[in-house]
């Protein structure tokens, strides 16, 4: 079992940066692939980035490549999403998610077993 709590969201001007954190509790965090997803009003939840259990493999959506970076610190049971050069289209609720232990990174929401409550990111123009 893994519990996830996101933080770090807020209001930022276009071109600015934010770093989201996802604190996890549960013994299986260090062996779980993690992901970030986002959902804007009236839209479906979409993939942002994913990372393997040891951080050796990462992947990001084309829309955020070169601007967002996912990382993790297993000693702190935390995964991060560094977001730079933010644009208004990045406005959404951002969710952290964890797969069951032993599974690799994925960009498919249904393949994740645990979800945080979300944190709002608003980018003003």
PDB file of N, CA and C in Angstrom:
ATOM      1  N   UNK A   1       0.848  -1.186   0.000  1.00  0.00           N
ATOM      2  CA  UNK A   1       0.000   0.000   0.000  1.00  0.00           C
ATOM      3  C   UNK A   1       0.892   1.246   0.000  1.00  0.00           C
ATOM      4  N   UNK A   2       0.530   2.233  -0.796  1.00  0.00           N
ATOM      5  CA  UNK A   2       1.272   3.486  -0.895  1.00  0.00           C
ATOM      6  C   UNK A   2       0.294   4.647  -0.771  1.00  0.00           C
ATOM      7  N   UNK A   3       0.611   5.599   0.073  1.00  0.00           N
ATOM      8  CA  UNK A   3      -0.171   6.837   0.173  1.00  0.00           C
ATOM      9  C   UNK A   3       0.660   7.981  -0.387  1.00  0.00           C
ATOM     10  N   UNK A   4       0.022   8.845  -1.155  1.00  0.00           N
ATOM     11  CA  UNK A   4       0.723   9.911  -1.865  1.00  0.00           C
ATOM     12  C   UNK A   4       0.121  11.278  -1.535  1.00  0.00           C
ATOM     13  N   UNK A   5       1.000  12.254  -1.273  1.00  0.00           N
ATOM     14  CA  UNK A   5       0.549  13.611  -0.987  1.00  0.00           C
ATOM     15  C   UNK A   5       1.377  14.585  -1.819  1.00  0.00           C
ATOM     16  N   UNK A   6       0.703  15.324  -2.719  1.00  0.00           N
ATOM     17  CA  UNK A   6       1.387  16.301  -3.563  1.00  0.00           C
ATOM     18  C   UNK A   6       1.441  17.654  -2.874  1.00  0.00           C
ATOM     19  N   UNK A   7       2.450  18.427  -3.243  1.00  0.00           N
ATOM     20  CA  UNK A   7       2.564  19.807  -2.776  1.00  0.00           C
ATOM     21  C   UNK A   7       3.370  20.598  -3.786  1.00  0.00           C
ATOM     22  N   UNK A   8       3.343  21.928  -3.631  1.00  0.00           N
ATOM     23  CA  UNK A   8       4.158  22.771  -4.486  1.00  0.00           C
ATOM     24  C   UNK A   8       3.417  23.495  -5.584  1.00  0.00           C
ATOM     25  N   UNK A   9       2.141  23.220  -5.728  1.00  0.00           N
ATOM     26  CA  UNK A   9       1.373  23.924  -6.742  1.00  0.00           C
ATOM     27  C   UNK A   9       1.143  25.374  -6.363  1.00  0.00           C
ATOM     28  N   UNK A  10       0.592  26.132  -7.319  1.00  0.00           N
ATOM     29  CA  UNK A  10       0.313  27.537  -7.041  1.00  0.00           C
ATOM     30  C   UNK A  10       0.075  28.314  -8.301  1.00  0.00           C
ATOM     31  N   UNK A  11       0.107  29.631  -8.162  1.00  0.00           N
ATOM     32  CA  UNK A  11      -0.096  30.550  -9.279  1.00  0.00           C
ATOM     33  C   UNK A  11       1.260  31.115  -9.695  1.00  0.00           C
ATOM     34  N   UNK A  12       1.535  31.058 -10.987  1.00  0.00           N
ATOM     35  CA  UNK A  12       2.807  31.552 -11.503  1.00  0.00           C
ATOM     36  C   UNK A  12       2.566  32.219 -12.847  1.00  0.00           C
ATOM     37  N   UNK A  13       3.388  33.195 -13.168  1.00  0.00           N
ATOM     38  CA  UNK A  13       3.282  33.849 -14.471  1.00  0.00           C
ATOM     39  C   UNK A  13       3.925  32.994 -15.559  1.00  0.00           C
ATOM     40  N   UNK A  14       3.461  33.176 -16.763  1.00  0.00           N
ATOM     41  CA  UNK A  14       4.051  32.472 -17.897  1.00  0.00           C
ATOM     42  C   UNK A  14       5.556  32.733 -17.942  1.00  0.00           C
ATOM     43  N   UNK A  15       6.300  31.670 -18.216  1.00  0.00           N
ATOM     44  CA  UNK A  15       7.750  31.757 -18.219  1.00  0.00           C
ATOM     45  C   UNK A  15       8.390  31.410 -16.893  1.00  0.00           C
ATOM     46  N   UNK A  16       7.576  31.292 -15.861  1.00  0.00           N
ATOM     47  CA  UNK A  16       8.081  30.982 -14.542  1.00  0.00           C
ATOM     48  C   UNK A  16       8.276  29.489 -14.307  1.00  0.00           C
ATOM     49  N   UNK A  17       8.640  29.160 -13.065  1.00  0.00           N
ATOM     50  CA  UNK A  17       8.941  27.780 -12.703  1.00  0.00           C
ATOM     51  C   UNK A  17       8.237  27.398 -11.407  1.00  0.00           C
ATOM     52  N   UNK A  18       7.967  26.120 -11.282  1.00  0.00           N
ATOM     53  CA  UNK A  18       7.471  25.534 -10.045  1.00  0.00           C
ATOM     54  C   UNK A  18       8.093  24.159  -9.897  1.00  0.00           C
ATOM     55  N   UNK A  19       8.220  23.706  -8.660  1.00  0.00           N
ATOM     56  CA  UNK A  19       8.636  22.329  -8.415  1.00  0.00           C
ATOM     57  C   UNK A  19       7.573  21.653  -7.565  1.00  0.00           C
ATOM     58  N   UNK A  20       6.985  20.622  -8.133  1.00  0.00           N
ATOM     59  CA  UNK A  20       6.018  19.831  -7.398  1.00  0.00           C
ATOM     60  C   UNK A  20       6.729  18.694  -6.665  1.00  0.00           C
ATOM     61  N   UNK A  21       6.226  18.383  -5.493  1.00  0.00           N
ATOM     62  CA  UNK A  21       6.746  17.253  -4.720  1.00  0.00           C
ATOM     63  C   UNK A  21       5.611  16.284  -4.444  1.00  0.00           C
ATOM     64  N   UNK A  22       5.961  15.035  -4.347  1.00  0.00           N
ATOM     65  CA  UNK A  22       4.991  13.993  -4.001  1.00  0.00           C
ATOM     66  C   UNK A  22       5.632  13.126  -2.918  1.00  0.00           C
ATOM     67  N   UNK A  23       5.128  13.261  -1.715  1.00  0.00           N
ATOM     68  CA  UNK A  23       5.642  12.486  -0.593  1.00  0.00           C
ATOM     69  C   UNK A  23       4.863  11.189  -0.469  1.00  0.00           C
ATOM     70  N   UNK A  24       5.587  10.102  -0.397  1.00  0.00           N
ATOM     71  CA  UNK A  24       4.949   8.791  -0.349  1.00  0.00           C
ATOM     72  C   UNK A  24       5.204   8.107   0.985  1.00  0.00           C
ATOM     73  N   UNK A  25       4.236   7.380   1.418  1.00  0.00           N
ATOM     74  CA  UNK A  25       4.408   6.528   2.593  1.00  0.00           C
ATOM     75  C   UNK A  25       4.068   5.108   2.189  1.00  0.00           C
ATOM     76  N   UNK A  26       4.703   4.159   2.825  1.00  0.00           N
ATOM     77  CA  UNK A  26       4.496   2.773   2.448  1.00  0.00           C
ATOM     78  C   UNK A  26       5.811   2.121   2.074  1.00  0.00           C
ATOM     79  N   UNK A  27       5.934   0.871   2.397  1.00  0.00           N
ATOM     80  CA  UNK A  27       7.206   0.178   2.223  1.00  0.00           C
ATOM     81  C   UNK A  27       7.591  -0.013   0.776  1.00  0.00           C
ATOM     82  N   UNK A  28       6.621  -0.014  -0.139  1.00  0.00           N
ATOM     83  CA  UNK A  28       6.914  -0.389  -1.516  1.00  0.00           C
ATOM     84  C   UNK A  28       7.295   0.788  -2.403  1.00  0.00           C
ATOM     85  N   UNK A  29       7.426   2.007  -1.829  1.00  0.00           N
ATOM     86  CA  UNK A  29       7.715   3.161  -2.679  1.00  0.00           C
ATOM     87  C   UNK A  29       8.995   2.983  -3.455  1.00  0.00           C
ATOM     88  N   UNK A  30      10.045   2.509  -2.825  1.00  0.00           N
ATOM     89  CA  UNK A  30      11.352   2.458  -3.472  1.00  0.00           C
ATOM     90  C   UNK A  30      11.404   1.454  -4.614  1.00  0.00           C
ATOM     91  N   UNK A  31      10.418   0.597  -4.738  1.00  0.00           N
ATOM     92  CA  UNK A  31      10.384  -0.358  -5.849  1.00  0.00           C
ATOM     93  C   UNK A  31       9.249  -0.056  -6.822  1.00  0.00           C
ATOM     94  N   UNK A  32       8.629   1.105  -6.692  1.00  0.00           N
ATOM     95  CA  UNK A  32       7.476   1.459  -7.514  1.00  0.00           C
ATOM     96  C   UNK A  32       7.838   2.493  -8.567  1.00  0.00           C
ATOM     97  N   UNK A  33       7.456   2.231  -9.807  1.00  0.00           N
ATOM     98  CA  UNK A  33       7.535   3.274 -10.823  1.00  0.00           C
ATOM     99  C   UNK A  33       6.498   4.336 -10.487  1.00  0.00           C
ATOM    100  N   UNK A  34       6.839   5.580 -10.778  1.00  0.00           N
ATOM    101  CA  UNK A  34       5.989   6.702 -10.425  1.00  0.00           C
ATOM    102  C   UNK A  34       5.671   7.525 -11.661  1.00  0.00           C
ATOM    103  N   UNK A  35       4.573   8.265 -11.577  1.00  0.00           N
ATOM    104  CA  UNK A  35       4.200   9.116 -12.697  1.00  0.00           C
ATOM    105  C   UNK A  35       3.525  10.384 -12.239  1.00  0.00           C
ATOM    106  N   UNK A  36       3.560  11.376 -13.103  1.00  0.00           N
ATOM    107  CA  UNK A  36       2.803  12.601 -12.926  1.00  0.00           C
ATOM    108  C   UNK A  36       1.798  12.705 -14.080  1.00  0.00           C
ATOM    109  N   UNK A  37       0.594  13.070 -13.732  1.00  0.00           N
ATOM    110  CA  UNK A  37      -0.470  13.295 -14.702  1.00  0.00           C
ATOM    111  C   UNK A  37      -1.113  14.642 -14.393  1.00  0.00           C
ATOM    112  N   UNK A  38      -1.880  15.145 -15.333  1.00  0.00           N
ATOM    113  CA  UNK A  38      -2.584  16.405 -15.090  1.00  0.00           C
ATOM    114  C   UNK A  38      -3.956  16.370 -15.749  1.00  0.00           C
ATOM    115  N   UNK A  39      -4.846  17.177 -15.203  1.00  0.00           N
ATOM    116  CA  UNK A  39      -6.191  17.253 -15.741  1.00  0.00           C
ATOM    117  C   UNK A  39      -6.664  18.699 -15.693  1.00  0.00           C
ATOM    118  N   UNK A  40      -6.947  19.232 -16.864  1.00  0.00           N
ATOM    119  CA  UNK A  40      -7.478  20.586 -16.981  1.00  0.00           C
ATOM    120  C   UNK A  40      -9.001  20.524 -16.996  1.00  0.00           C
ATOM    121  N   UNK A  41      -9.678  21.602 -16.648  1.00  0.00           N
ATOM    122  CA  UNK A  41     -11.144  21.595 -16.635  1.00  0.00           C
ATOM    123  C   UNK A  41     -11.722  21.185 -17.981  1.00  0.00           C
ATOM    124  N   UNK A  42     -12.640  20.233 -17.956  1.00  0.00           N
ATOM    125  CA  UNK A  42     -13.304  19.791 -19.171  1.00  0.00           C
ATOM    126  C   UNK A  42     -12.482  18.861 -20.041  1.00  0.00           C
ATOM    127  N   UNK A  43     -11.302  18.476 -19.559  1.00  0.00           N
ATOM    128  CA  UNK A  43     -10.441  17.594 -20.356  1.00  0.00           C
ATOM    129  C   UNK A  43     -10.153  16.314 -19.595  1.00  0.00           C
ATOM    130  N   UNK A  44      -9.717  15.306 -20.330  1.00  0.00           N
ATOM    131  CA  UNK A  44      -9.350  14.046 -19.715  1.00  0.00           C
ATOM    132  C   UNK A  44      -7.978  14.170 -19.037  1.00  0.00           C
ATOM    133  N   UNK A  45      -7.754  13.265 -18.074  1.00  0.00           N
ATOM    134  CA  UNK A  45      -6.457  13.224 -17.425  1.00  0.00           C
ATOM    135  C   UNK A  45      -5.401  12.828 -18.458  1.00  0.00           C
ATOM    136  N   UNK A  46      -4.273  13.519 -18.467  1.00  0.00           N
ATOM    137  CA  UNK A  46      -3.239  13.231 -19.444  1.00  0.00           C
ATOM    138  C   UNK A  46      -1.889  12.998 -18.777  1.00  0.00           C
ATOM    139  N   UNK A  47      -1.097  12.203 -19.443  1.00  0.00           N
ATOM    140  CA  UNK A  47       0.242  11.846 -18.987  1.00  0.00           C
ATOM    141  C   UNK A  47       1.165  13.048 -19.062  1.00  0.00           C
ATOM    142  N   UNK A  48       2.019  13.190 -18.037  1.00  0.00           N
ATOM    143  CA  UNK A  48       3.037  14.240 -18.035  1.00  0.00           C
ATOM    144  C   UNK A  48       4.435  13.625 -18.055  1.00  0.00           C
ATOM    145  N   UNK A  49       4.737  12.788 -17.069  1.00  0.00           N
ATOM    146  CA  UNK A  49       6.069  12.197 -16.984  1.00  0.00           C
ATOM    147  C   UNK A  49       6.028  10.963 -16.104  1.00  0.00           C
ATOM    148  N   UNK A  50       7.018  10.078 -16.307  1.00  0.00           N
ATOM    149  CA  UNK A  50       7.102   8.860 -15.516  1.00  0.00           C
ATOM    150  C   UNK A  50       8.564   8.523 -15.252  1.00  0.00           C
ATOM    151  N   UNK A  51       8.807   7.773 -14.178  1.00  0.00           N
ATOM    152  CA  UNK A  51      10.170   7.432 -13.784  1.00  0.00           C
ATOM    153  C   UNK A  51      10.184   6.029 -13.201  1.00  0.00           C
ATOM    154  N   UNK A  52      11.246   5.278 -13.490  1.00  0.00           N
ATOM    155  CA  UNK A  52      11.378   3.927 -12.969  1.00  0.00           C
ATOM    156  C   UNK A  52      11.718   3.947 -11.486  1.00  0.00           C
ATOM    157  N   UNK A  53      11.708   2.778 -10.872  1.00  0.00           N
ATOM    158  CA  UNK A  53      11.895   2.694  -9.426  1.00  0.00           C
ATOM    159  C   UNK A  53      13.241   3.254  -8.983  1.00  0.00           C
ATOM    160  N   UNK A  54      14.261   3.120  -9.811  1.00  0.00           N
ATOM    161  CA  UNK A  54      15.591   3.584  -9.411  1.00  0.00           C
ATOM    162  C   UNK A  54      15.981   4.889 -10.097  1.00  0.00           C
ATOM    163  N   UNK A  55      15.067   5.472 -10.854  1.00  0.00           N
ATOM    164  CA  UNK A  55      15.354   6.729 -11.537  1.00  0.00           C
ATOM    165  C   UNK A  55      16.137   6.582 -12.816  1.00  0.00           C
ATOM    166  N   UNK A  56      16.456   5.348 -13.199  1.00  0.00           N
ATOM    167  CA  UNK A  56      17.288   5.140 -14.368  1.00  0.00           C
ATOM    168  C   UNK A  56      16.578   5.355 -15.689  1.00  0.00           C
ATOM    169  N   UNK A  57      15.272   5.270 -15.676  1.00  0.00           N
ATOM    170  CA  UNK A  57      14.487   5.466 -16.895  1.00  0.00           C
ATOM    171  C   UNK A  57      13.415   6.510 -16.640  1.00  0.00           C
ATOM    172  N   UNK A  58      13.361   7.490 -17.528  1.00  0.00           N
ATOM    173  CA  UNK A  58      12.320   8.506 -17.454  1.00  0.00           C
ATOM    174  C   UNK A  58      11.715   8.703 -18.832  1.00  0.00           C
ATOM    175  N   UNK A  59      10.513   9.237 -18.840  1.00  0.00           N
ATOM    176  CA  UNK A  59       9.843   9.556 -20.094  1.00  0.00           C
ATOM    177  C   UNK A  59       8.899  10.715 -19.820  1.00  0.00           C
ATOM    178  N   UNK A  60       8.706  11.550 -20.818  1.00  0.00           N
ATOM    179  CA  UNK A  60       7.831  12.701 -20.644  1.00  0.00           C
ATOM    180  C   UNK A  60       6.998  12.899 -21.896  1.00  0.00           C
ATOM    181  N   UNK A  61       5.854  13.506 -21.728  1.00  0.00           N
ATOM    182  CA  UNK A  61       4.998  13.831 -22.860  1.00  0.00           C
ATOM    183  C   UNK A  61       5.692  14.838 -23.763  1.00  0.00           C
ATOM    184  N   UNK A  62       5.401  14.763 -25.045  1.00  0.00           N
ATOM    185  CA  UNK A  62       6.021  15.685 -26.007  1.00  0.00           C
ATOM    186  C   UNK A  62       5.748  17.143 -25.635  1.00  0.00           C
ATOM    187  N   UNK A  63       4.576  17.388 -25.071  1.00  0.00           N
ATOM    188  CA  UNK A  63       4.190  18.767 -24.769  1.00  0.00           C
ATOM    189  C   UNK A  63       5.026  19.397 -23.661  1.00  0.00           C
ATOM    190  N   UNK A  64       5.728  18.577 -22.877  1.00  0.00           N
ATOM    191  CA  UNK A  64       6.515  19.117 -21.766  1.00  0.00           C
ATOM    192  C   UNK A  64       8.005  18.796 -21.881  1.00  0.00           C
ATOM    193  N   UNK A  65       8.389  18.019 -22.874  1.00  0.00           N
ATOM    194  CA  UNK A  65       9.808  17.670 -23.029  1.00  0.00           C
ATOM    195  C   UNK A  65      10.650  18.925 -23.192  1.00  0.00           C
ATOM    196  N   UNK A  66      11.770  18.943 -22.489  1.00  0.00           N
ATOM    197  CA  UNK A  66      12.646  20.105 -22.538  1.00  0.00           C
ATOM    198  C   UNK A  66      12.268  21.179 -21.536  1.00  0.00           C
ATOM    199  N   UNK A  67      11.078  21.053 -20.935  1.00  0.00           N
ATOM    200  CA  UNK A  67      10.634  22.046 -19.943  1.00  0.00           C
ATOM    201  C   UNK A  67      10.439  21.413 -18.557  1.00  0.00           C
ATOM    202  N   UNK A  68       9.936  20.199 -18.507  1.00  0.00           N
ATOM    203  CA  UNK A  68       9.659  19.512 -17.246  1.00  0.00           C
ATOM    204  C   UNK A  68      10.648  18.373 -17.035  1.00  0.00           C
ATOM    205  N   UNK A  69      11.027  18.159 -15.785  1.00  0.00           N
ATOM    206  CA  UNK A  69      11.936  17.066 -15.439  1.00  0.00           C
ATOM    207  C   UNK A  69      11.398  16.328 -14.227  1.00  0.00           C
ATOM    208  N   UNK A  70      11.289  15.006 -14.352  1.00  0.00           N
ATOM    209  CA  UNK A  70      10.863  14.176 -13.235  1.00  0.00           C
ATOM    210  C   UNK A  70      12.101  13.572 -12.584  1.00  0.00           C
ATOM    211  N   UNK A  71      12.084  13.489 -11.261  1.00  0.00           N
ATOM    212  CA  UNK A  71      13.188  12.877 -10.531  1.00  0.00           C
ATOM    213  C   UNK A  71      12.637  12.287  -9.235  1.00  0.00           C
ATOM    214  N   UNK A  72      13.480  11.526  -8.539  1.00  0.00           N
ATOM    215  CA  UNK A  72      13.019  10.944  -7.282  1.00  0.00           C
ATOM    216  C   UNK A  72      14.190  10.798  -6.324  1.00  0.00           C
ATOM    217  N   UNK A  73      13.854  10.781  -5.054  1.00  0.00           N
ATOM    218  CA  UNK A  73      14.823  10.552  -3.986  1.00  0.00           C
ATOM    219  C   UNK A  73      14.230   9.459  -3.105  1.00  0.00           C
ATOM    220  N   UNK A  74      14.679   8.237  -3.294  1.00  0.00           N
ATOM    221  CA  UNK A  74      14.099   7.118  -2.546  1.00  0.00           C
ATOM    222  C   UNK A  74      14.421   7.191  -1.057  1.00  0.00           C
ATOM    223  N   UNK A  75      15.512   7.843  -0.710  1.00  0.00           N
ATOM    224  CA  UNK A  75      15.844   7.998   0.707  1.00  0.00           C
ATOM    225  C   UNK A  75      14.819   8.894   1.414  1.00  0.00           C
ATOM    226  N   UNK A  76      14.210   9.794   0.649  1.00  0.00           N
ATOM    227  CA  UNK A  76      13.202  10.704   1.198  1.00  0.00           C
ATOM    228  C   UNK A  76      11.783  10.289   0.821  1.00  0.00           C
ATOM    229  N   UNK A  77      11.659   9.177   0.114  1.00  0.00           N
ATOM    230  CA  UNK A  77      10.330   8.727  -0.328  1.00  0.00           C
ATOM    231  C   UNK A  77       9.574   9.832  -1.065  1.00  0.00           C
ATOM    232  N   UNK A  78      10.278  10.505  -1.959  1.00  0.00           N
ATOM    233  CA  UNK A  78       9.688  11.653  -2.636  1.00  0.00           C
ATOM    234  C   UNK A  78      10.018  11.630  -4.126  1.00  0.00           C
ATOM    235  N   UNK A  79       9.029  11.987  -4.930  1.00  0.00           N
ATOM    236  CA  UNK A  79       9.242  12.182  -6.358  1.00  0.00           C
ATOM    237  C   UNK A  79       8.934  13.649  -6.669  1.00  0.00           C
ATOM    238  N   UNK A  80       9.666  14.204  -7.614  1.00  0.00           N
ATOM    239  CA  UNK A  80       9.567  15.621  -7.938  1.00  0.00           C
ATOM    240  C   UNK A  80       9.197  15.819  -9.405  1.00  0.00           C
ATOM    241  N   UNK A  81       8.611  16.967  -9.677  1.00  0.00           N
ATOM    242  CA  UNK A  81       8.401  17.409 -11.049  1.00  0.00           C
ATOM    243  C   UNK A  81       8.843  18.864 -11.124  1.00  0.00           C
ATOM    244  N   UNK A  82       9.995  19.081 -11.727  1.00  0.00           N
ATOM    245  CA  UNK A  82      10.496  20.437 -11.940  1.00  0.00           C
ATOM    246  C   UNK A  82       9.891  20.962 -13.235  1.00  0.00           C
ATOM    247  N   UNK A  83       9.188  22.075 -13.136  1.00  0.00           N
ATOM    248  CA  UNK A  83       8.497  22.639 -14.287  1.00  0.00           C
ATOM    249  C   UNK A  83       9.064  24.017 -14.586  1.00  0.00           C
ATOM    250  N   UNK A  84       9.676  24.158 -15.749  1.00  0.00           N
ATOM    251  CA  UNK A  84      10.253  25.429 -16.184  1.00  0.00           C
ATOM    252  C   UNK A  84       9.526  25.941 -17.423  1.00  0.00           C
ATOM    253  N   UNK A  85       9.722  27.206 -17.718  1.00  0.00           N
ATOM    254  CA  UNK A  85       9.128  27.829 -18.909  1.00  0.00           C
ATOM    255  C   UNK A  85       7.640  27.522 -19.001  1.00  0.00           C
ATOM    256  N   UNK A  86       6.960  27.710 -17.921  1.00  0.00           N
ATOM    257  CA  UNK A  86       5.530  27.378 -17.879  1.00  0.00           C
ATOM    258  C   UNK A  86       4.727  28.267 -18.819  1.00  0.00           C
ATOM    259  N   UNK A  87       3.701  27.677 -19.399  1.00  0.00           N
ATOM    260  CA  UNK A  87       2.793  28.376 -20.306  1.00  0.00           C
ATOM    261  C   UNK A  87       1.370  28.202 -19.790  1.00  0.00           C
ATOM    262  N   UNK A  88       0.444  29.069 -20.198  1.00  0.00           N
ATOM    263  CA  UNK A  88      -0.936  28.958 -19.700  1.00  0.00           C
ATOM    264  C   UNK A  88      -1.559  27.582 -19.938  1.00  0.00           C
ATOM    265  N   UNK A  89      -1.155  26.916 -21.022  1.00  0.00           N
ATOM    266  CA  UNK A  89      -1.702  25.593 -21.324  1.00  0.00           C
ATOM    267  C   UNK A  89      -1.289  24.532 -20.310  1.00  0.00           C
ATOM    268  N   UNK A  90      -0.342  24.849 -19.451  1.00  0.00           N
ATOM    269  CA  UNK A  90       0.056  23.915 -18.387  1.00  0.00           C
ATOM    270  C   UNK A  90      -0.886  23.982 -17.184  1.00  0.00           C
ATOM    271  N   UNK A  91      -1.808  24.913 -17.197  1.00  0.00           N
ATOM    272  CA  UNK A  91      -2.748  25.044 -16.090  1.00  0.00           C
ATOM    273  C   UNK A  91      -3.597  23.785 -15.950  1.00  0.00           C
ATOM    274  N   UNK A  92      -3.575  23.204 -14.762  1.00  0.00           N
ATOM    275  CA  UNK A  92      -4.298  21.952 -14.517  1.00  0.00           C
ATOM    276  C   UNK A  92      -4.112  21.556 -13.059  1.00  0.00           C
ATOM    277  N   UNK A  93      -4.854  20.542 -12.655  1.00  0.00           N
ATOM    278  CA  UNK A  93      -4.566  19.859 -11.407  1.00  0.00           C
ATOM    279  C   UNK A  93      -3.560  18.754 -11.726  1.00  0.00           C
ATOM    280  N   UNK A  94      -2.476  18.722 -10.978  1.00  0.00           N
ATOM    281  CA  UNK A  94      -1.410  17.753 -11.212  1.00  0.00           C
ATOM    282  C   UNK A  94      -1.499  16.655 -10.151  1.00  0.00           C
ATOM    283  N   UNK A  95      -1.454  15.414 -10.647  1.00  0.00           N
ATOM    284  CA  UNK A  95      -1.575  14.247  -9.788  1.00  0.00           C
ATOM    285  C   UNK A  95      -0.310  13.398  -9.839  1.00  0.00           C
ATOM    286  N   UNK A  96       0.077  12.923  -8.674  1.00  0.00           N
ATOM    287  CA  UNK A  96       1.154  11.954  -8.555  1.00  0.00           C
ATOM    288  C   UNK A  96       0.519  10.568  -8.482  1.00  0.00           C
ATOM    289  N   UNK A  97       1.178   9.577  -9.082  1.00  0.00           N
ATOM    290  CA  UNK A  97       0.639   8.222  -9.083  1.00  0.00           C
ATOM    291  C   UNK A  97       1.771   7.214  -8.955  1.00  0.00           C
ATOM    292  N   UNK A  98       1.426   6.054  -8.402  1.00  0.00           N
ATOM    293  CA  UNK A  98       2.402   4.988  -8.209  1.00  0.00           C
ATOM    294  C   UNK A  98       1.868   3.679  -8.769  1.00  0.00           C
ATOM    295  N   UNK A  99       2.734   2.939  -9.398  1.00  0.00           N
ATOM    296  CA  UNK A  99       2.371   1.604  -9.853  1.00  0.00           C
ATOM    297  C   UNK A  99       2.659   0.605  -8.730  1.00  0.00           C
ATOM    298  N   UNK A 100       2.096  -0.551  -8.844  1.00  0.00           N
ATOM    299  CA  UNK A 100       2.412  -1.618  -7.897  1.00  0.00           C
ATOM    300  C   UNK A 100       3.885  -1.992  -8.041  1.00  0.00           C
ATOM    301  N   UNK A 101       4.474  -2.475  -6.955  1.00  0.00           N
ATOM    302  CA  UNK A 101       5.891  -2.829  -6.948  1.00  0.00           C
ATOM    303  C   UNK A 101       6.214  -3.823  -8.055  1.00  0.00           C
ATOM    304  N   UNK A 102       7.322  -3.550  -8.733  1.00  0.00           N
ATOM    305  CA  UNK A 102       7.785  -4.493  -9.744  1.00  0.00           C
ATOM    306  C   UNK A 102       7.436  -4.118 -11.169  1.00  0.00           C
ATOM    307  N   UNK A 103       6.522  -3.176 -11.351  1.00  0.00           N
ATOM    308  CA  UNK A 103       6.132  -2.750 -12.688  1.00  0.00           C
ATOM    309  C   UNK A 103       6.949  -1.536 -13.127  1.00  0.00           C
ATOM    310  N   UNK A 104       7.166  -1.416 -14.409  1.00  0.00           N
ATOM    311  CA  UNK A 104       7.981  -0.339 -14.948  1.00  0.00           C
ATOM    312  C   UNK A 104       7.197   0.934 -15.195  1.00  0.00           C
ATOM    313  N   UNK A 105       7.882   1.966 -15.673  1.00  0.00           N
ATOM    314  CA  UNK A 105       7.224   3.237 -15.959  1.00  0.00           C
ATOM    315  C   UNK A 105       6.150   3.083 -17.038  1.00  0.00           C
ATOM    316  N   UNK A 106       5.142   3.930 -16.965  1.00  0.00           N
ATOM    317  CA  UNK A 106       4.040   3.847 -17.918  1.00  0.00           C
ATOM    318  C   UNK A 106       3.430   5.221 -18.124  1.00  0.00           C
ATOM    319  N   UNK A 107       2.879   5.429 -19.318  1.00  0.00           N
ATOM    320  CA  UNK A 107       2.158   6.669 -19.588  1.00  0.00           C
ATOM    321  C   UNK A 107       0.644   6.449 -19.604  1.00  0.00           C
ATOM    322  N   UNK A 108       0.190   5.307 -19.121  1.00  0.00           N
ATOM    323  CA  UNK A 108      -1.228   4.949 -19.129  1.00  0.00           C
ATOM    324  C   UNK A 108      -1.805   5.084 -17.720  1.00  0.00           C
ATOM    325  N   UNK A 109      -2.744   6.000 -17.520  1.00  0.00           N
ATOM    326  CA  UNK A 109      -3.285   6.200 -16.160  1.00  0.00           C
ATOM    327  C   UNK A 109      -3.849   4.930 -15.527  1.00  0.00           C
ATOM    328  N   UNK A 110      -4.522   4.106 -16.312  1.00  0.00           N
ATOM    329  CA  UNK A 110      -5.156   2.908 -15.752  1.00  0.00           C
ATOM    330  C   UNK A 110      -4.156   1.891 -15.217  1.00  0.00           C
ATOM    331  N   UNK A 111      -2.887   2.054 -15.558  1.00  0.00           N
ATOM    332  CA  UNK A 111      -1.872   1.117 -15.091  1.00  0.00           C
ATOM    333  C   UNK A 111      -1.281   1.520 -13.736  1.00  0.00           C
ATOM    334  N   UNK A 112      -1.788   2.595 -13.178  1.00  0.00           N
ATOM    335  CA  UNK A 112      -1.328   3.050 -11.868  1.00  0.00           C
ATOM    336  C   UNK A 112      -2.339   2.642 -10.794  1.00  0.00           C
ATOM    337  N   UNK A 113      -1.807   2.233  -9.650  1.00  0.00           N
ATOM    338  CA  UNK A 113      -2.658   1.696  -8.594  1.00  0.00           C
ATOM    339  C   UNK A 113      -2.964   2.693  -7.489  1.00  0.00           C
ATOM    340  N   UNK A 114      -2.114   3.683  -7.324  1.00  0.00           N
ATOM    341  CA  UNK A 114      -2.283   4.620  -6.221  1.00  0.00           C
ATOM    342  C   UNK A 114      -2.179   6.045  -6.749  1.00  0.00           C
ATOM    343  N   UNK A 115      -3.017   6.924  -6.201  1.00  0.00           N
ATOM    344  CA  UNK A 115      -3.083   8.306  -6.657  1.00  0.00           C
ATOM    345  C   UNK A 115      -3.112   9.258  -5.464  1.00  0.00           C
ATOM    346  N   UNK A 116      -2.480  10.418  -5.656  1.00  0.00           N
ATOM    347  CA  UNK A 116      -2.605  11.480  -4.679  1.00  0.00           C
ATOM    348  C   UNK A 116      -3.874  12.276  -4.913  1.00  0.00           C
ATOM    349  N   UNK A 117      -4.066  13.300  -4.090  1.00  0.00           N
ATOM    350  CA  UNK A 117      -5.292  14.090  -4.161  1.00  0.00           C
ATOM    351  C   UNK A 117      -5.185  15.223  -5.184  1.00  0.00           C
ATOM    352  N   UNK A 118      -3.987  15.500  -5.643  1.00  0.00           N
ATOM    353  CA  UNK A 118      -3.797  16.524  -6.664  1.00  0.00           C
ATOM    354  C   UNK A 118      -3.395  17.871  -6.091  1.00  0.00           C
ATOM    355  N   UNK A 119      -2.685  18.654  -6.898  1.00  0.00           N
ATOM    356  CA  UNK A 119      -2.316  20.012  -6.526  1.00  0.00           C
ATOM    357  C   UNK A 119      -2.533  20.915  -7.739  1.00  0.00           C
ATOM    358  N   UNK A 120      -3.121  22.082  -7.496  1.00  0.00           N
ATOM    359  CA  UNK A 120      -3.479  22.983  -8.595  1.00  0.00           C
ATOM    360  C   UNK A 120      -2.272  23.801  -9.045  1.00  0.00           C
ATOM    361  N   UNK A 121      -2.077  23.841 -10.346  1.00  0.00           N
ATOM    362  CA  UNK A 121      -1.079  24.716 -10.962  1.00  0.00           C
ATOM    363  C   UNK A 121      -1.807  25.642 -11.918  1.00  0.00           C
ATOM    364  N   UNK A 122      -1.634  26.931 -11.716  1.00  0.00           N
ATOM    365  CA  UNK A 122      -2.264  27.932 -12.573  1.00  0.00           C
ATOM    366  C   UNK A 122      -1.190  28.836 -13.133  1.00  0.00           C
ATOM    367  N   UNK A 123      -1.151  28.938 -14.465  1.00  0.00           N
ATOM    368  CA  UNK A 123      -0.164  29.765 -15.144  1.00  0.00           C
ATOM    369  C   UNK A 123      -0.904  30.928 -15.808  1.00  0.00           C
ATOM    370  N   UNK A 124      -0.568  32.123 -15.397  1.00  0.00           N
ATOM    371  CA  UNK A 124      -1.226  33.313 -15.952  1.00  0.00           C
ATOM    372  C   UNK A 124      -0.417  33.864 -17.121  1.00  0.00           C
ATOM    373  N   UNK A 125      -1.136  34.441 -18.069  1.00  0.00           N
ATOM    374  CA  UNK A 125      -0.457  34.983 -19.259  1.00  0.00           C
ATOM    375  C   UNK A 125      -0.047  36.426 -19.056  1.00  0.00           C
TER     376      UNK A 125
END
